[in-house]
Amino acid sequence: MPLDTGDVEVGNHARLADDGLVSLRPTPVQFDEKLPIGSALAAARLSLDLAVEDVASATRVSSRYIVAIEEFDFKALPARPFVIGYVRAYAMALGLDADAVVARFRAEAPAVADDLRAPVGVERPIPVAPRIIGFAACMVVTAVVAWNIWRHAEAQPLRSLPPPPVAVSAAPGPVAVGAPPPTPPEASTPPHYETPGLPDPDGSAASPPAKTASAQGLLTPAAQPGAPFKATGAVYGAPGSNQGLVLEARTPTTLIVHGPDGAVYFARQLAAGEAWRAPAMDGLTVDADTPSAIEVFVGGALRGVLAQSRAPVSKLLAG
């Protein structure tokens, strides 16, 4: 999440800086201290008129885990350390004090008691009927294999005996030795390899292969390259001019922005014409549900259309 800006905390509702999830909580969260923690989280979510899928999309936590946390259904949840992380992400998405919510969850959650399991290596007796069936099956398989081997040996013709060796008498006198055979192709000298960028024997330097503009593969050409950005809908993200990076949705799509630590800085279902303006922050990565629906503007001019679902903001700025 973004760095602490010293905002004042009121009750269990913390007024956070713009962490990209402010759109999920346009009004202060109503958090009932008298309800169990799971029911209180569900009531806080409903007070913001949010569905389970909205919280799941913002926190990247499965919707079935969100429902299990609200209903305290621990049979449907994974190990306790993972559940603590899910509760913390849930509280932060609603703008609550994550530490206080996690502390209440730890206090109200039942202790984990694993059922006893049989020791490793204990052999359970097999009933007599399966033993007999298994033995009969083995006998049938053995008989079939033996019958096939016998039929194959019977059908194979007798092999002819090799011819007897022929005695060769050596001629008297010296024996002439011919010239050695030529070198086989496998032992021939390979062609000289020239390393790109290193000087050749004549002193000239080999030029490295040129990089094409589409080497990164992050953008596809637009129908009107260089077209100026004109906001036709709401523009989210950083305030200011449009001289940086602006992503505009041509058709409805989901856009999620992650920070270098994996935290979610922006998550929204963009309508056609809505856009997101990138802040001056390093390590951001955009994740689009439909890449072809996102147009990329840099410096107020259209550069192209997203070609991949995930792309670093720094590479999109570099073009």
C-alpha atoms as a PDB file:
ATOM      1  CA  MET A   1       0.000   0.000   0.000  1.00  0.00           C
ATOM      2  CA  PRO A   2       1.155   3.665  -0.329  1.00  0.00           C
ATOM      3  CA  LEU A   3       3.311   5.211   2.387  1.00  0.00           C
ATOM      4  CA  ASP A   4       1.706   6.535   5.561  1.00  0.00           C
ATOM      5  CA  THR A   5       0.705  10.195   5.138  1.00  0.00           C
ATOM      6  CA  GLY A   6      -0.285  10.807   8.763  1.00  0.00           C
ATOM      7  CA  ASP A   7      -4.030  10.764   8.198  1.00  0.00           C
ATOM      8  CA  VAL A   8      -6.214  10.695  11.313  1.00  0.00           C
ATOM      9  CA  GLU A   9      -7.837   7.395  12.235  1.00  0.00           C
ATOM     10  CA  VAL A  10     -11.450   7.530  13.488  1.00  0.00           C
ATOM     11  CA  GLY A  11     -12.684   4.359  15.192  1.00  0.00           C
ATOM     12  CA  ASN A  12     -12.018   1.399  12.933  1.00  0.00           C
ATOM     13  CA  HIS A  13     -12.192   3.513   9.770  1.00  0.00           C
ATOM     14  CA  ALA A  14      -8.831   4.866   8.641  1.00  0.00           C
ATOM     15  CA  ARG A  15      -8.864   7.729   6.176  1.00  0.00           C
ATOM     16  CA  LEU A  16      -6.110   6.527   3.854  1.00  0.00           C
ATOM     17  CA  ALA A  17      -4.327   8.340   1.065  1.00  0.00           C
ATOM     18  CA  ASP A  18      -5.361   7.618  -2.523  1.00  0.00           C
ATOM     19  CA  ASP A  19      -4.330   3.965  -2.716  1.00  0.00           C
ATOM     20  CA  GLY A  20      -6.241   3.277  -5.936  1.00  0.00           C
ATOM     21  CA  LEU A  21      -9.200   1.724  -4.061  1.00  0.00           C
ATOM     22  CA  VAL A  22     -10.912   4.946  -2.990  1.00  0.00           C
ATOM     23  CA  SER A  23     -13.591   4.322  -5.608  1.00  0.00           C
ATOM     24  CA  LEU A  24     -14.689   1.260  -3.599  1.00  0.00           C
ATOM     25  CA  ARG A  25     -15.468   3.336  -0.504  1.00  0.00           C
ATOM     26  CA  PRO A  26     -16.993   6.701  -1.513  1.00  0.00           C
ATOM     27  CA  THR A  27     -18.574   7.022   1.974  1.00  0.00           C
ATOM     28  CA  PRO A  28     -17.204   6.193   5.453  1.00  0.00           C
ATOM     29  CA  VAL A  29     -17.515   2.497   6.310  1.00  0.00           C
ATOM     30  CA  GLN A  30     -20.215   1.511   8.845  1.00  0.00           C
ATOM     31  CA  PHE A  31     -18.443  -1.044  11.076  1.00  0.00           C
ATOM     32  CA  ASP A  32     -20.527  -2.602  13.859  1.00  0.00           C
ATOM     33  CA  GLU A  33     -18.371  -3.472  16.882  1.00  0.00           C
ATOM     34  CA  LYS A  34     -21.135  -5.589  18.420  1.00  0.00           C
ATOM     35  CA  LEU A  35     -21.327  -8.101  15.584  1.00  0.00           C
ATOM     36  CA  PRO A  36     -18.854 -10.990  15.150  1.00  0.00           C
ATOM     37  CA  ILE A  37     -15.911 -10.034  12.990  1.00  0.00           C
ATOM     38  CA  GLY A  38     -17.147 -11.995   9.959  1.00  0.00           C
ATOM     39  CA  SER A  39     -20.650 -10.513  10.129  1.00  0.00           C
ATOM     40  CA  ALA A  40     -19.198  -7.039  10.783  1.00  0.00           C
ATOM     41  CA  LEU A  41     -17.058  -7.247   7.624  1.00  0.00           C
ATOM     42  CA  ALA A  42     -20.091  -8.364   5.600  1.00  0.00           C
ATOM     43  CA  ALA A  43     -22.185  -5.495   7.008  1.00  0.00           C
ATOM     44  CA  ALA A  44     -19.397  -2.996   6.221  1.00  0.00           C
ATOM     45  CA  ARG A  45     -19.210  -4.302   2.653  1.00  0.00           C
ATOM     46  CA  LEU A  46     -22.978  -4.012   2.209  1.00  0.00           C
ATOM     47  CA  SER A  47     -22.942  -0.481   3.649  1.00  0.00           C
ATOM     48  CA  LEU A  48     -20.756   0.475   0.666  1.00  0.00           C
ATOM     49  CA  ASP A  49     -23.128  -1.366  -1.706  1.00  0.00           C
ATOM     50  CA  LEU A  50     -20.297  -3.674  -2.803  1.00  0.00           C
ATOM     51  CA  ALA A  51     -20.713  -7.241  -4.009  1.00  0.00           C
ATOM     52  CA  VAL A  52     -18.394 -10.067  -3.008  1.00  0.00           C
ATOM     53  CA  GLU A  53     -16.958 -10.030  -6.532  1.00  0.00           C
ATOM     54  CA  ASP A  54     -16.010  -6.344  -6.150  1.00  0.00           C
ATOM     55  CA  VAL A  55     -13.920  -7.079  -3.042  1.00  0.00           C
ATOM     56  CA  ALA A  56     -12.438 -10.195  -4.650  1.00  0.00           C
ATOM     57  CA  SER A  57     -11.387  -8.223  -7.744  1.00  0.00           C
ATOM     58  CA  ALA A  58      -9.800  -5.466  -5.635  1.00  0.00           C
ATOM     59  CA  THR A  59      -7.923  -7.775  -3.242  1.00  0.00           C
ATOM     60  CA  ARG A  60      -7.124 -10.606  -5.684  1.00  0.00           C
ATOM     61  CA  VAL A  61      -8.640 -13.005  -3.119  1.00  0.00           C
ATOM     62  CA  SER A  62     -11.033 -15.682  -4.351  1.00  0.00           C
ATOM     63  CA  SER A  63     -14.697 -14.805  -3.819  1.00  0.00           C
ATOM     64  CA  ARG A  64     -15.344 -18.146  -2.108  1.00  0.00           C
ATOM     65  CA  TYR A  65     -12.717 -17.255   0.508  1.00  0.00           C
ATOM     66  CA  ILE A  66     -14.405 -13.861   1.058  1.00  0.00           C
ATOM     67  CA  VAL A  67     -17.730 -15.632   1.693  1.00  0.00           C
ATOM     68  CA  ALA A  68     -16.048 -18.208   3.967  1.00  0.00           C
ATOM     69  CA  ILE A  69     -14.446 -15.418   6.061  1.00  0.00           C
ATOM     70  CA  GLU A  70     -17.791 -13.660   6.484  1.00  0.00           C
ATOM     71  CA  GLU A  71     -19.515 -16.919   7.460  1.00  0.00           C
ATOM     72  CA  PHE A  72     -16.583 -18.207   9.568  1.00  0.00           C
ATOM     73  CA  ASP A  73     -16.559 -21.391   7.474  1.00  0.00           C
ATOM     74  CA  PHE A  74     -13.040 -22.596   8.261  1.00  0.00           C
ATOM     75  CA  LYS A  75     -13.526 -25.884   6.397  1.00  0.00           C
ATOM     76  CA  ALA A  76     -13.593 -23.913   3.147  1.00  0.00           C
ATOM     77  CA  LEU A  77     -10.497 -21.831   4.007  1.00  0.00           C
ATOM     78  CA  PRO A  78      -6.796 -22.695   3.560  1.00  0.00           C
ATOM     79  CA  ALA A  79      -4.144 -22.651   6.303  1.00  0.00           C
ATOM     80  CA  ARG A  80      -4.505 -20.022   9.042  1.00  0.00           C
ATOM     81  CA  PRO A  81      -1.527 -17.810   7.921  1.00  0.00           C
ATOM     82  CA  PHE A  82      -3.147 -17.413   4.499  1.00  0.00           C
ATOM     83  CA  VAL A  83      -6.516 -16.567   6.068  1.00  0.00           C
ATOM     84  CA  ILE A  84      -4.895 -13.819   8.203  1.00  0.00           C
ATOM     85  CA  GLY A  85      -3.496 -12.283   5.017  1.00  0.00           C
ATOM     86  CA  TYR A  86      -6.911 -12.470   3.326  1.00  0.00           C
ATOM     87  CA  VAL A  87      -8.584 -10.736   6.316  1.00  0.00           C
ATOM     88  CA  ARG A  88      -5.940  -7.984   6.261  1.00  0.00           C
ATOM     89  CA  ALA A  89      -6.444  -7.377   2.521  1.00  0.00           C
ATOM     90  CA  TYR A  90     -10.244  -7.371   3.012  1.00  0.00           C
ATOM     91  CA  ALA A  91     -10.013  -4.760   5.787  1.00  0.00           C
ATOM     92  CA  MET A  92      -7.636  -2.554   3.780  1.00  0.00           C
ATOM     93  CA  ALA A  93      -9.941  -2.658   0.738  1.00  0.00           C
ATOM     94  CA  LEU A  94     -12.818  -1.349   2.917  1.00  0.00           C
ATOM     95  CA  GLY A  95     -10.621   1.371   4.450  1.00  0.00           C
ATOM     96  CA  LEU A  96     -10.625  -0.200   7.939  1.00  0.00           C
ATOM     97  CA  ASP A  97      -7.799  -0.436  10.459  1.00  0.00           C
ATOM     98  CA  ALA A  98      -6.229  -3.682   9.230  1.00  0.00           C
ATOM     99  CA  ASP A  99      -4.299  -4.358  12.471  1.00  0.00           C
ATOM    100  CA  ALA A 100      -7.409  -3.957  14.633  1.00  0.00           C
ATOM    101  CA  VAL A 101      -9.514  -6.175  12.358  1.00  0.00           C
ATOM    102  CA  VAL A 102      -6.817  -8.887  12.289  1.00  0.00           C
ATOM    103  CA  ALA A 103      -6.514  -8.745  16.082  1.00  0.00           C
ATOM    104  CA  ARG A 104     -10.271  -9.271  16.465  1.00  0.00           C
ATOM    105  CA  PHE A 105     -10.198 -12.105  13.936  1.00  0.00           C
ATOM    106  CA  ARG A 106      -7.377 -13.848  15.850  1.00  0.00           C
ATOM    107  CA  ALA A 107      -9.332 -13.494  19.095  1.00  0.00           C
ATOM    108  CA  GLU A 108     -12.636 -14.743  17.684  1.00  0.00           C
ATOM    109  CA  ALA A 109     -11.334 -17.445  15.316  1.00  0.00           C
ATOM    110  CA  PRO A 110     -11.382 -20.933  16.837  1.00  0.00           C
ATOM    111  CA  ALA A 111      -8.131 -22.689  17.581  1.00  0.00           C
ATOM    112  CA  VAL A 112      -6.934 -25.061  14.892  1.00  0.00           C
ATOM    113  CA  ALA A 113      -6.956 -28.739  15.978  1.00  0.00           C
ATOM    114  CA  ASP A 114      -5.883 -31.231  13.320  1.00  0.00           C
ATOM    115  CA  ASP A 115      -7.510 -34.638  13.377  1.00  0.00           C
ATOM    116  CA  LEU A 116      -5.318 -37.575  14.323  1.00  0.00           C
ATOM    117  CA  ARG A 117      -3.966 -39.508  11.389  1.00  0.00           C
ATOM    118  CA  ALA A 118      -2.761 -43.093  11.054  1.00  0.00           C
ATOM    119  CA  PRO A 119       1.015 -43.495  11.520  1.00  0.00           C
ATOM    120  CA  VAL A 120       3.085 -43.769   8.367  1.00  0.00           C
ATOM    121  CA  GLY A 121       3.835 -47.375   7.422  1.00  0.00           C
ATOM    122  CA  VAL A 122       0.783 -49.013   9.041  1.00  0.00           C
ATOM    123  CA  GLU A 123      -0.341 -51.876   6.819  1.00  0.00           C
ATOM    124  CA  ARG A 124      -4.073 -52.383   6.568  1.00  0.00           C
ATOM    125  CA  PRO A 125      -5.201 -55.975   5.915  1.00  0.00           C
ATOM    126  CA  ILE A 126      -6.701 -56.595   2.487  1.00  0.00           C
ATOM    127  CA  PRO A 127      -9.918 -58.632   2.416  1.00  0.00           C
ATOM    128  CA  VAL A 128      -9.677 -62.178   1.106  1.00  0.00           C
ATOM    129  CA  ALA A 129     -11.930 -61.594  -1.910  1.00  0.00           C
ATOM    130  CA  PRO A 130      -9.707 -58.928  -3.525  1.00  0.00           C
ATOM    131  CA  ARG A 131      -6.660 -61.157  -2.943  1.00  0.00           C
ATOM    132  CA  ILE A 132      -8.297 -64.022  -4.815  1.00  0.00           C
ATOM    133  CA  ILE A 133      -9.435 -61.762  -7.645  1.00  0.00           C
ATOM    134  CA  GLY A 134      -5.952 -60.237  -7.986  1.00  0.00           C
ATOM    135  CA  PHE A 135      -4.280 -63.676  -8.045  1.00  0.00           C
ATOM    136  CA  ALA A 136      -6.701 -64.924 -10.716  1.00  0.00           C
ATOM    137  CA  ALA A 137      -6.077 -61.824 -12.849  1.00  0.00           C
ATOM    138  CA  CYS A 138      -2.303 -62.362 -12.619  1.00  0.00           C
ATOM    139  CA  MET A 139      -2.700 -65.987 -13.700  1.00  0.00           C
ATOM    140  CA  VAL A 140      -4.818 -64.996 -16.716  1.00  0.00           C
ATOM    141  CA  VAL A 141      -2.308 -62.349 -17.807  1.00  0.00           C
ATOM    142  CA  THR A 142       0.595 -64.804 -17.435  1.00  0.00           C
ATOM    143  CA  ALA A 143      -1.211 -67.430 -19.506  1.00  0.00           C
ATOM    144  CA  VAL A 144      -1.994 -64.946 -22.295  1.00  0.00           C
ATOM    145  CA  VAL A 145       1.633 -63.748 -22.446  1.00  0.00           C
ATOM    146  CA  ALA A 146       2.980 -67.313 -22.518  1.00  0.00           C
ATOM    147  CA  TRP A 147       0.541 -68.322 -25.294  1.00  0.00           C
ATOM    148  CA  ASN A 148       1.604 -65.320 -27.442  1.00  0.00           C
ATOM    149  CA  ILE A 149       5.291 -66.124 -26.966  1.00  0.00           C
ATOM    150  CA  TRP A 150       4.713 -69.754 -27.982  1.00  0.00           C
ATOM    151  CA  ARG A 151       2.753 -68.774 -31.104  1.00  0.00           C
ATOM    152  CA  HIS A 152       5.425 -66.284 -32.125  1.00  0.00           C
ATOM    153  CA  ALA A 153       8.199 -68.856 -31.736  1.00  0.00           C
ATOM    154  CA  GLU A 154       6.241 -71.459 -33.706  1.00  0.00           C
ATOM    155  CA  ALA A 155       5.521 -69.118 -36.628  1.00  0.00           C
ATOM    156  CA  GLN A 156       9.107 -67.861 -36.937  1.00  0.00           C
ATOM    157  CA  PRO A 157      11.046 -69.784 -39.670  1.00  0.00           C
ATOM    158  CA  LEU A 158      14.253 -71.571 -38.840  1.00  0.00           C
ATOM    159  CA  ARG A 159      17.236 -69.367 -39.245  1.00  0.00           C
ATOM    160  CA  SER A 160      19.863 -70.514 -41.723  1.00  0.00           C
ATOM    161  CA  LEU A 161      23.211 -71.397 -40.287  1.00  0.00           C
ATOM    162  CA  PRO A 162      26.058 -69.041 -41.131  1.00  0.00           C
ATOM    163  CA  PRO A 163      28.416 -70.200 -43.953  1.00  0.00           C
ATOM    164  CA  PRO A 164      31.599 -71.900 -42.895  1.00  0.00           C
ATOM    165  CA  PRO A 165      34.693 -69.714 -42.705  1.00  0.00           C
ATOM    166  CA  VAL A 166      36.836 -69.540 -45.876  1.00  0.00           C
ATOM    167  CA  ALA A 167      40.560 -70.044 -45.453  1.00  0.00           C
ATOM    168  CA  VAL A 168      42.639 -67.442 -47.237  1.00  0.00           C
ATOM    169  CA  SER A 169      46.236 -68.213 -48.022  1.00  0.00           C
ATOM    170  CA  ALA A 170      48.638 -65.300 -47.716  1.00  0.00           C
ATOM    171  CA  ALA A 171      50.845 -64.643 -50.744  1.00  0.00           C
ATOM    172  CA  PRO A 172      54.567 -64.773 -50.120  1.00  0.00           C
ATOM    173  CA  GLY A 173      56.617 -61.582 -50.241  1.00  0.00           C
ATOM    174  CA  PRO A 174      56.099 -58.004 -49.075  1.00  0.00           C
ATOM    175  CA  VAL A 175      52.603 -56.535 -48.898  1.00  0.00           C
ATOM    176  CA  ALA A 176      51.925 -53.090 -50.406  1.00  0.00           C
ATOM    177  CA  VAL A 177      50.038 -50.638 -48.181  1.00  0.00           C
ATOM    178  CA  GLY A 178      47.776 -48.118 -49.919  1.00  0.00           C
ATOM    179  CA  ALA A 179      47.326 -44.413 -49.184  1.00  0.00           C
ATOM    180  CA  PRO A 180      45.349 -43.468 -46.025  1.00  0.00           C
ATOM    181  CA  PRO A 181      41.642 -42.780 -46.549  1.00  0.00           C
ATOM    182  CA  PRO A 182      40.453 -39.129 -46.602  1.00  0.00           C
ATOM    183  CA  THR A 183      39.286 -37.391 -43.415  1.00  0.00           C
ATOM    184  CA  PRO A 184      35.604 -38.079 -42.754  1.00  0.00           C
ATOM    185  CA  PRO A 185      33.235 -35.080 -42.959  1.00  0.00           C
ATOM    186  CA  GLU A 186      32.556 -35.173 -39.199  1.00  0.00           C
ATOM    187  CA  ALA A 187      36.249 -34.386 -38.535  1.00  0.00           C
ATOM    188  CA  SER A 188      36.460 -31.449 -40.947  1.00  0.00           C
ATOM    189  CA  THR A 189      37.245 -27.987 -39.606  1.00  0.00           C
ATOM    190  CA  PRO A 190      34.079 -25.962 -38.869  1.00  0.00           C
ATOM    191  CA  PRO A 191      33.679 -22.496 -40.411  1.00  0.00           C
ATOM    192  CA  HIS A 192      35.086 -19.545 -38.487  1.00  0.00           C
ATOM    193  CA  TYR A 193      32.564 -17.993 -36.088  1.00  0.00           C
ATOM    194  CA  GLU A 194      32.487 -14.205 -35.894  1.00  0.00           C
ATOM    195  CA  THR A 195      31.207 -12.691 -32.642  1.00  0.00           C
ATOM    196  CA  PRO A 196      28.925  -9.676 -33.304  1.00  0.00           C
ATOM    197  CA  GLY A 197      30.522  -6.432 -32.177  1.00  0.00           C
ATOM    198  CA  LEU A 198      34.121  -7.753 -32.083  1.00  0.00           C
ATOM    199  CA  PRO A 199      36.707  -6.668 -34.682  1.00  0.00           C
ATOM    200  CA  ASP A 200      37.368  -9.031 -37.589  1.00  0.00           C
ATOM    201  CA  PRO A 201      40.925 -10.151 -38.396  1.00  0.00           C
ATOM    202  CA  ASP A 202      41.156  -7.290 -40.923  1.00  0.00           C
ATOM    203  CA  GLY A 203      40.376  -4.765 -38.143  1.00  0.00           C
ATOM    204  CA  SER A 204      36.789  -3.974 -39.108  1.00  0.00           C
ATOM    205  CA  ALA A 205      34.099  -4.352 -36.483  1.00  0.00           C
ATOM    206  CA  ALA A 206      31.019  -6.479 -37.120  1.00  0.00           C
ATOM    207  CA  SER A 207      27.856  -4.461 -36.616  1.00  0.00           C
ATOM    208  CA  PRO A 208      25.393  -5.889 -34.043  1.00  0.00           C
ATOM    209  CA  PRO A 209      21.920  -6.834 -35.245  1.00  0.00           C
ATOM    210  CA  ALA A 210      19.593  -3.868 -35.303  1.00  0.00           C
ATOM    211  CA  LYS A 211      16.727  -3.829 -32.854  1.00  0.00           C
ATOM    212  CA  THR A 212      13.297  -3.242 -34.234  1.00  0.00           C
ATOM    213  CA  ALA A 213      10.801  -0.950 -32.609  1.00  0.00           C
ATOM    214  CA  SER A 214       8.463  -3.852 -31.990  1.00  0.00           C
ATOM    215  CA  ALA A 215      11.074  -5.919 -30.103  1.00  0.00           C
ATOM    216  CA  GLN A 216       9.348  -5.355 -26.803  1.00  0.00           C
ATOM    217  CA  GLY A 217       6.010  -6.502 -28.218  1.00  0.00           C
ATOM    218  CA  LEU A 218       4.020  -4.376 -25.749  1.00  0.00           C
ATOM    219  CA  LEU A 219       2.105  -2.276 -28.314  1.00  0.00           C
ATOM    220  CA  THR A 220       0.356  -2.851 -31.610  1.00  0.00           C
ATOM    221  CA  PRO A 221      -0.045  -0.051 -34.168  1.00  0.00           C
ATOM    222  CA  ALA A 222      -3.090   2.161 -33.802  1.00  0.00           C
ATOM    223  CA  ALA A 223      -5.490   3.170 -36.571  1.00  0.00           C
ATOM    224  CA  GLN A 224      -4.563   6.858 -36.068  1.00  0.00           C
ATOM    225  CA  PRO A 225      -1.048   7.025 -34.577  1.00  0.00           C
ATOM    226  CA  GLY A 226      -0.202  10.361 -33.009  1.00  0.00           C
ATOM    227  CA  ALA A 227      -3.816  11.354 -32.437  1.00  0.00           C
ATOM    228  CA  PRO A 228      -4.137  13.741 -29.433  1.00  0.00           C
ATOM    229  CA  PHE A 229      -5.764  12.543 -26.211  1.00  0.00           C
ATOM    230  CA  LYS A 230      -9.260  13.919 -25.656  1.00  0.00           C
ATOM    231  CA  ALA A 231     -11.021  12.876 -22.465  1.00  0.00           C
ATOM    232  CA  THR A 232     -14.531  11.644 -23.242  1.00  0.00           C
ATOM    233  CA  GLY A 233     -15.129  10.166 -19.784  1.00  0.00           C
ATOM    234  CA  ALA A 234     -13.783  10.176 -16.240  1.00  0.00           C
ATOM    235  CA  VAL A 235      -9.976  10.192 -15.847  1.00  0.00           C
ATOM    236  CA  TYR A 236      -8.732   8.341 -12.755  1.00  0.00           C
ATOM    237  CA  GLY A 237      -5.283   8.109 -11.209  1.00  0.00           C
ATOM    238  CA  ALA A 238      -2.817  10.986 -10.794  1.00  0.00           C
ATOM    239  CA  PRO A 239      -4.043  14.562 -11.197  1.00  0.00           C
ATOM    240  CA  GLY A 240      -2.396  16.981 -13.600  1.00  0.00           C
ATOM    241  CA  SER A 241      -1.723  17.205 -17.312  1.00  0.00           C
ATOM    242  CA  ASN A 242      -1.808  14.408 -19.870  1.00  0.00           C
ATOM    243  CA  GLN A 243       1.878  14.685 -20.846  1.00  0.00           C
ATOM    244  CA  GLY A 244       2.757  11.411 -19.082  1.00  0.00           C
ATOM    245  CA  LEU A 245       1.192   7.985 -19.620  1.00  0.00           C
ATOM    246  CA  VAL A 246      -2.592   7.783 -20.066  1.00  0.00           C
ATOM    247  CA  LEU A 247      -4.479   4.535 -20.714  1.00  0.00           C
ATOM    248  CA  GLU A 248      -7.961   4.985 -22.235  1.00  0.00           C
ATOM    249  CA  ALA A 249     -10.546   2.212 -22.653  1.00  0.00           C
ATOM    250  CA  ARG A 250     -12.045   1.946 -26.124  1.00  0.00           C
ATOM    251  CA  THR A 251     -14.503  -0.704 -24.900  1.00  0.00           C
ATOM    252  CA  PRO A 252     -15.408  -1.763 -21.335  1.00  0.00           C
ATOM    253  CA  THR A 253     -12.560  -3.673 -19.663  1.00  0.00           C
ATOM    254  CA  THR A 254     -10.978  -4.250 -16.255  1.00  0.00           C
ATOM    255  CA  LEU A 255      -7.734  -2.415 -15.429  1.00  0.00           C
ATOM    256  CA  ILE A 256      -5.629  -3.242 -12.345  1.00  0.00           C
ATOM    257  CA  VAL A 257      -2.372  -1.462 -11.417  1.00  0.00           C
ATOM    258  CA  HIS A 258       0.134  -3.196  -9.124  1.00  0.00           C
ATOM    259  CA  GLY A 259       3.064  -1.675  -7.263  1.00  0.00           C
ATOM    260  CA  PRO A 260       6.594  -3.123  -7.019  1.00  0.00           C
ATOM    261  CA  ASP A 261       5.568  -5.098  -3.903  1.00  0.00           C
ATOM    262  CA  GLY A 262       2.469  -6.537  -5.586  1.00  0.00           C
ATOM    263  CA  ALA A 263       0.046  -4.186  -3.812  1.00  0.00           C
ATOM    264  CA  VAL A 264      -3.016  -3.057  -5.776  1.00  0.00           C
ATOM    265  CA  TYR A 265      -2.894   0.703  -6.502  1.00  0.00           C
ATOM    266  CA  PHE A 266      -5.857   0.889  -8.864  1.00  0.00           C
ATOM    267  CA  ALA A 267      -8.631  -1.563  -9.749  1.00  0.00           C
ATOM    268  CA  ARG A 268     -11.707  -0.647 -11.736  1.00  0.00           C
ATOM    269  CA  GLN A 269     -14.032  -1.801 -14.502  1.00  0.00           C
ATOM    270  CA  LEU A 270     -13.463   1.027 -17.009  1.00  0.00           C
ATOM    271  CA  ALA A 271     -16.320   2.013 -19.256  1.00  0.00           C
ATOM    272  CA  ALA A 272     -15.755   3.084 -22.861  1.00  0.00           C
ATOM    273  CA  GLY A 273     -14.076   6.512 -22.844  1.00  0.00           C
ATOM    274  CA  GLU A 274     -12.822   6.317 -19.225  1.00  0.00           C
ATOM    275  CA  ALA A 275      -9.063   6.585 -18.673  1.00  0.00           C
ATOM    276  CA  TRP A 276      -6.338   6.194 -16.044  1.00  0.00           C
ATOM    277  CA  ARG A 277      -3.400   8.612 -15.696  1.00  0.00           C
ATOM    278  CA  ALA A 278      -0.153   7.084 -14.361  1.00  0.00           C
ATOM    279  CA  PRO A 279       1.479   8.803 -11.355  1.00  0.00           C
ATOM    280  CA  ALA A 280       5.184   9.588 -11.106  1.00  0.00           C
ATOM    281  CA  MET A 281       6.075   6.339  -9.335  1.00  0.00           C
ATOM    282  CA  ASP A 282       8.587   3.615 -10.185  1.00  0.00           C
ATOM    283  CA  GLY A 283       7.804  -0.086 -10.422  1.00  0.00           C
ATOM    284  CA  LEU A 284       4.132   0.134 -11.463  1.00  0.00           C
ATOM    285  CA  THR A 285       2.667  -2.619 -13.678  1.00  0.00           C
ATOM    286  CA  VAL A 286      -0.688  -2.501 -15.482  1.00  0.00           C
ATOM    287  CA  ASP A 287      -2.850  -5.601 -15.883  1.00  0.00           C
ATOM    288  CA  ALA A 288      -5.659  -5.387 -18.466  1.00  0.00           C
ATOM    289  CA  ASP A 289      -8.397  -7.972 -18.835  1.00  0.00           C
ATOM    290  CA  THR A 290      -8.733  -7.161 -22.562  1.00  0.00           C
ATOM    291  CA  PRO A 291      -5.460  -5.612 -23.843  1.00  0.00           C
ATOM    292  CA  SER A 292      -6.877  -4.704 -27.262  1.00  0.00           C
ATOM    293  CA  ALA A 293      -9.421  -2.433 -25.546  1.00  0.00           C
ATOM    294  CA  ILE A 294      -6.726  -0.128 -24.054  1.00  0.00           C
ATOM    295  CA  GLU A 295      -5.200   2.739 -26.070  1.00  0.00           C
ATOM    296  CA  VAL A 296      -1.810   4.048 -24.865  1.00  0.00           C
ATOM    297  CA  PHE A 297      -1.132   7.807 -24.912  1.00  0.00           C
ATOM    298  CA  VAL A 298       2.349   9.182 -24.106  1.00  0.00           C
ATOM    299  CA  GLY A 299       2.943  12.916 -24.048  1.00  0.00           C
ATOM    300  CA  GLY A 300      -0.651  13.517 -25.104  1.00  0.00           C
ATOM    301  CA  ALA A 301      -0.265  11.536 -28.369  1.00  0.00           C
ATOM    302  CA  LEU A 302      -1.526   8.065 -29.268  1.00  0.00           C
ATOM    303  CA  ARG A 303       1.319   5.497 -29.351  1.00  0.00           C
ATOM    304  CA  GLY A 304      -0.680   2.310 -29.999  1.00  0.00           C
ATOM    305  CA  VAL A 305      -2.848  -0.376 -28.418  1.00  0.00           C
ATOM    306  CA  LEU A 306      -1.804  -2.780 -25.663  1.00  0.00           C
ATOM    307  CA  ALA A 307      -0.644  -6.124 -27.070  1.00  0.00           C
ATOM    308  CA  GLN A 308      -0.144  -7.959 -23.767  1.00  0.00           C
ATOM    309  CA  SER A 309      -2.284  -8.359 -20.660  1.00  0.00           C
ATOM    310  CA  ARG A 310       0.536  -7.168 -18.345  1.00  0.00           C
ATOM    311  CA  ALA A 311       3.031  -4.420 -19.120  1.00  0.00           C
ATOM    312  CA  PRO A 312       5.420  -2.265 -16.991  1.00  0.00           C
ATOM    313  CA  VAL A 313       4.585   1.433 -16.960  1.00  0.00           C
ATOM    314  CA  SER A 314       8.266   2.369 -17.465  1.00  0.00           C
ATOM    315  CA  LYS A 315       8.433   0.416 -20.760  1.00  0.00           C
ATOM    316  CA  LEU A 316       5.170   1.934 -21.990  1.00  0.00           C
ATOM    317  CA  LEU A 317       6.605   5.404 -21.318  1.00  0.00           C
ATOM    318  CA  ALA A 318       9.783   4.478 -23.180  1.00  0.00           C
ATOM    319  CA  GLY A 319       7.683   3.407 -26.143  1.00  0.00           C
END
